[in-house]
Protein backbone atom coordinates (compact mmCIF):
# COMPACT_ATOMS: atom_id res chain seq x y z
CA MET A 1 20.77 -64.01 -51.98
CA LYS A 2 20.08 -60.41 -50.92
CA LYS A 3 16.35 -60.88 -51.52
CA LYS A 4 16.26 -63.92 -49.23
CA LEU A 5 18.18 -62.07 -46.54
CA PHE A 6 15.85 -59.07 -46.84
CA ALA A 7 12.78 -61.32 -46.68
CA ALA A 8 14.12 -63.10 -43.60
CA ALA A 9 14.89 -59.78 -41.87
CA ALA A 10 11.43 -58.41 -42.74
CA GLY A 11 9.80 -61.58 -41.44
CA LEU A 12 11.70 -61.37 -38.15
CA LEU A 13 10.79 -57.70 -37.78
CA CYS A 14 7.09 -58.42 -38.37
CA ALA A 15 7.18 -61.31 -35.91
CA ALA A 16 8.85 -59.10 -33.27
CA LEU A 17 6.28 -56.33 -33.76
CA LEU A 18 3.40 -58.79 -33.48
CA LEU A 19 4.89 -60.26 -30.32
CA LEU A 20 5.30 -56.80 -28.77
CA TRP A 21 1.74 -55.88 -29.76
CA PHE A 22 0.08 -58.98 -28.32
CA CYS A 23 2.09 -58.94 -25.09
CA GLY A 24 0.75 -55.41 -24.48
CA PHE A 25 3.96 -53.38 -24.66
CA LEU A 26 3.21 -51.45 -27.87
CA PRO A 27 -0.48 -50.72 -27.12
CA GLU A 28 0.48 -49.31 -23.71
CA LYS A 29 3.15 -47.03 -25.18
CA ALA A 30 0.82 -45.92 -27.97
CA ALA A 31 -1.96 -45.18 -25.44
CA ILE A 32 0.43 -43.05 -23.40
CA ARG A 33 1.49 -41.16 -26.51
CA ALA A 34 -2.13 -40.61 -27.62
CA ALA A 35 -3.05 -39.29 -24.16
CA GLU A 36 -0.01 -36.98 -24.15
CA LYS A 37 -1.03 -35.57 -27.55
CA TYR A 38 -4.55 -35.05 -26.19
CA MET A 39 -3.20 -33.23 -23.13
CA GLU A 40 -1.10 -30.90 -25.28
CA ASN A 41 -4.32 -29.40 -26.65
CA GLN A 42 -6.06 -29.03 -23.27
CA LEU A 43 -6.10 -26.04 -20.93
CA TYR A 44 -3.14 -26.37 -18.52
CA GLY A 45 -2.18 -29.61 -20.24
CA GLU A 46 1.49 -28.63 -20.35
CA PHE A 47 1.69 -28.88 -16.54
CA TYR A 48 0.69 -32.55 -16.42
CA LYS A 49 3.17 -35.42 -16.68
CA ALA A 50 2.18 -38.97 -17.59
CA GLU A 51 2.92 -41.32 -14.70
CA TYR A 52 1.76 -44.72 -15.94
CA ALA A 53 -0.89 -46.54 -17.91
CA GLU A 54 -2.93 -49.57 -17.00
CA TYR A 55 -5.32 -51.76 -18.92
CA SER A 56 -8.91 -51.93 -17.68
CA PRO A 57 -10.63 -55.13 -18.80
CA ALA A 58 -13.99 -53.73 -17.66
CA HIS A 59 -13.69 -50.86 -20.14
CA ASP A 60 -11.53 -52.72 -22.69
CA SER A 61 -9.18 -49.75 -22.86
CA TYR A 62 -6.17 -48.17 -21.22
CA PHE A 63 -6.27 -45.48 -18.58
CA VAL A 64 -3.29 -43.14 -18.53
CA TYR A 65 -2.67 -41.35 -15.24
CA PHE A 66 -1.23 -37.84 -15.15
CA SER A 67 -0.13 -35.78 -12.16
CA GLY A 68 1.15 -32.34 -11.31
CA GLY A 69 -1.24 -29.97 -13.01
CA PRO A 70 -3.88 -27.57 -11.76
CA ASN A 71 -7.55 -28.44 -11.56
CA PRO A 72 -10.23 -26.04 -12.87
CA SER A 73 -10.20 -24.10 -9.58
CA GLY A 74 -6.42 -23.53 -9.91
CA GLU A 75 -5.08 -25.92 -7.24
CA MET A 76 -1.75 -27.46 -8.28
CA GLY A 77 -0.74 -31.07 -7.74
CA THR A 78 -3.95 -32.69 -8.88
CA THR A 79 -4.21 -35.93 -10.79
CA ARG A 80 -6.04 -36.62 -14.00
CA HIS A 81 -6.75 -39.82 -15.87
CA ILE A 82 -7.49 -40.22 -19.54
CA GLY A 83 -9.25 -43.22 -21.06
CA VAL A 84 -7.79 -44.32 -24.39
CA TYR A 85 -9.50 -46.93 -26.54
CA TYR A 86 -6.92 -48.90 -28.47
CA ARG A 87 -8.57 -51.86 -30.13
CA TRP A 88 -8.51 -50.42 -33.63
CA LEU A 89 -6.21 -47.86 -35.13
CA PRO A 90 -6.22 -44.90 -34.67
CA PHE A 91 -6.28 -44.75 -30.88
CA PHE A 92 -8.77 -42.27 -29.49
CA VAL A 93 -9.51 -40.63 -26.15
CA TRP A 94 -12.95 -41.46 -24.86
CA TYR A 95 -12.74 -40.24 -21.25
CA ASP A 96 -11.15 -37.33 -19.41
CA SER A 97 -11.60 -37.09 -15.63
CA ILE A 98 -11.65 -33.26 -15.65
CA ASN A 99 -14.05 -33.00 -18.62
CA PRO A 100 -16.09 -36.23 -18.48
CA GLY A 101 -18.80 -34.99 -20.82
């Protein structure tokens, strides 16, 4: 009886995770988290705060928008966007508006 209950609970959990993945909720949150981890390792990255993420069908990836940090010349209050490719795990950053190269 316990095995059937465990199997049913595991099946419901897997179904819920798949639903959240394909509706776009989990990829968006994972893209934001990957961009935040990337920003932690960048110069002045601690000053930026993630505002929102949006999916770009032209690039087939998410762009996460940050605000509040300084640009390379030292001006505060600038924005920065990070491109995060999410199709396959692990997620990776492929574009940074301050360091596009």
